């Protein structure tokens, strides 16, 4: 009962307050709904922000992936650009050097790296050559084959060579002289026939005549075949063969005779027929096949043992597999051993030359040689006029030798350079290609060098413009899509065998002076000098320039962008040596002037005056070519006008302190090489610790300033005739040139001032001074050419220039010829103290420009 009453009371009380409770519930419900909406919005807002972050993260991931793959693609793309050929058509047709197109130039002495040899201008040529050795009765083998300074020959070089059809060379060994002659005769479909004649004479007055072995050989370069035909027991009478480029051919070895009209002379014969893994292995194969068991047994005279080829066992298959396997070629050697004097001929006959009138041997060869020699004499005088100028016969002979060695130093190479860019982890093989080029030195530099070749063609273009056109085209056809040409052409195994490993890889940020523009300038002058009546010649040259032009454009643009300096219109050589601790002054090999002093501390702030002048020259020639062809020339003309502005040149490069045009960079002269200290603990043997090296010590901190060296680099505004004839600065240059304490010597202009702190200083303990004092003929040629220009231009210094011209020209001619007469060689450089030839020899690259100096042809 009580519980029910209590319930009633509760209900009664609740009913009393009902009117107040219902509105409160509605308010609470509204608040709940509002809160719910607010919470929903907040939750949604949080979800939106989170989604945004998720979306951004996804976007960034996608972007990163895209960027990653784009970067991979770009790196791959940039890595491949170095080996991507230039997109324009090749200047030369692939068959331009073939027997069908150019039969008279197909065969030639295109192997400058050997003393005597011939090949065709084709990728896989049959090669022929000569080796020899003196039989002195001992076990020593003094085999001569490739041109080596270590052979210490008294002299060797071409006395006459027309670059096409014949050549006469004299080789002076210890006590005998070999005269090698060749003459060609075109006919048939594969370049025709040719004959060699080798004449050996005793030099000394010893009672017993020297006994000599001549080893004539023929080898295939992985294609073609040879068959040896042995007569009279062991005498290799002939070799027949076949190749795609030559068809069928025959090489005949005639017996030695005492003279052209004399009968056969007693000789001993040996031969070798084997295979070769490469042309660079021929010398080794012969050396490894020699045996001293053979007896020379003349009818009258004592028996003597001699060394001869016998048998050669090629490396086993297992040995070959350890290294790189290559397709082998056939190799045949004919050895004839005979006492001097004697004469011997080798005849090559093409199987397709079916209507030959007679064999090119004996009197027929003599008459043909005499005819070619006579034509050479006439053309030489017509071209250079040395007799008209009153030169003595000895000087004319020297001039002929200078030209002939340049022409006889033309080589045909085929293969691939090894290259690398900053985008390549490892070196790559450049596209295969041919190169027809002159070489600086047959013994030391028997390959193509970009900046040398421009100087070479200054002389060759006077003699045979066709060779110059072909050489220019071959060089420019080696250009890649960027506009870069490897500056040193090391194309095959033969070339690589002569180059230290550290110089083989070519890097595409590195330039070389664009001297091909010098040869191009001469070609343009030749066009402007052609009469209107000779329209065909002008049309031919214009067509050639039109094929050249797309590559010239890319080449110029590559220099103008990749070699740009820190300031507008300034230029800087890339590729300076980076390990500054080891060099007294880090080298700039790319400039061509190697160890010539530049800023002591390489940096991106450098400005190089010689490169500035090369670009001024190049831009002017590009404008001239463009105008001649009717192509847009305004931009080249603008660049030329800017760079030839002497006020800008002075602003960037004139040093008031030195009164000379100079490089600019981070520099100090207070540097020396000193022996580094190596700590050796007491009681420890010294030989267990590193050898103390010569390292550079910097005595005074470098600063940005003009480089206060004086030498060839400072002369470039004068050398390339950028300086106006009325410039007051020309007076300072002429004064420095004539100062004997600076650049003047009785033998030519020295490369670095005698008063310079780095004059004749070693750059490292192993690096003798190179461009730090010695006299170089290419720069002296440019100086004489410039003096001739300023002497014949209106200006206040023409008389001074004329006097210097006469004196410098006389000094160069007399000294280079004197050294040739005394030593038998034209040299790489000449001592500024004694005038003696030094460096590599023979160096009949740009040192042969002495002939143009004699002829006053600039």
Foldseek 3Di string as FASTA:
>chain_A
DVVVVVVVVVVVVVVVCVVVVVVVVVVVVVVVVVVVVVVVVVVVVVVVVVVVVVVVVVVVVVVVVVVVVVVVVVLVVVFCQVQFAAPADFLDDLCCQACQNCLQAQKDLQQLQWQGKIWGQDAWTKIKFKKKFWWPQDPDTLIGTTFAVVQVWLFKFWLADQLTFKTWMWTHHDFKIKIKIKGFDAFFRQNFKMKIKIWMATRDPDPFFIKMKMKIKIKTFLFKAKDFDDDDVAFGQKIWIAGPRQGTKIKGWDAKAQDLPGDHDDKDKHKEKDKAQGPLCPVVQFVQQKDFPDWRDDPDDDIGTGIGGDYGDPDDPVVCVVDDGGRIMIMMMMMIIGGDGIMIMMMMGGPRRPPDPDGCGRPNVVVSVVVVVVVRVVLLCVLQVLVVVPDDPLLVSVLSRLLNRQSSQWHKHWAWAWEGEPSDPHTDTHDIAIATFGFQFSHQTSFDFQQLRLLSLVVVCSSPVVSLLRRVSRQLSCAGNQLFGFRTCQGDPNSVVRDPPVPRYGYRLFAAQNSVLSNVVVLVVVLVPDDVVPVVVNVVSLSSLVSVLVSLVSNLVSQCPSQAAPDPLFGHGPDWDQPLFFWLATFRVSHVLTVDHDARHDDRNKGALLSLLSSLSSLVSSLVSCVVNVHDNVVSVVSNVVSLPVVVQCVQAQDPVLLFGFMKDFHDLQKDWDWDDDDDPPPHDPVVTDGTFTTMDHPDGTDTDTDNWDFLRRCNCLLSVSDDLADPSVVVVLVQCCDPQQFDALQAGQGTGVPRPCQQNATTPVGGDDSRGWAAQLSRLSLLVSLVVSLPDDYPCNVSSVVVNVRRLVNNSVLQSVQCVVSVARARTAGRVPRHGDDDTNRSRSSSCNSCSSSVND
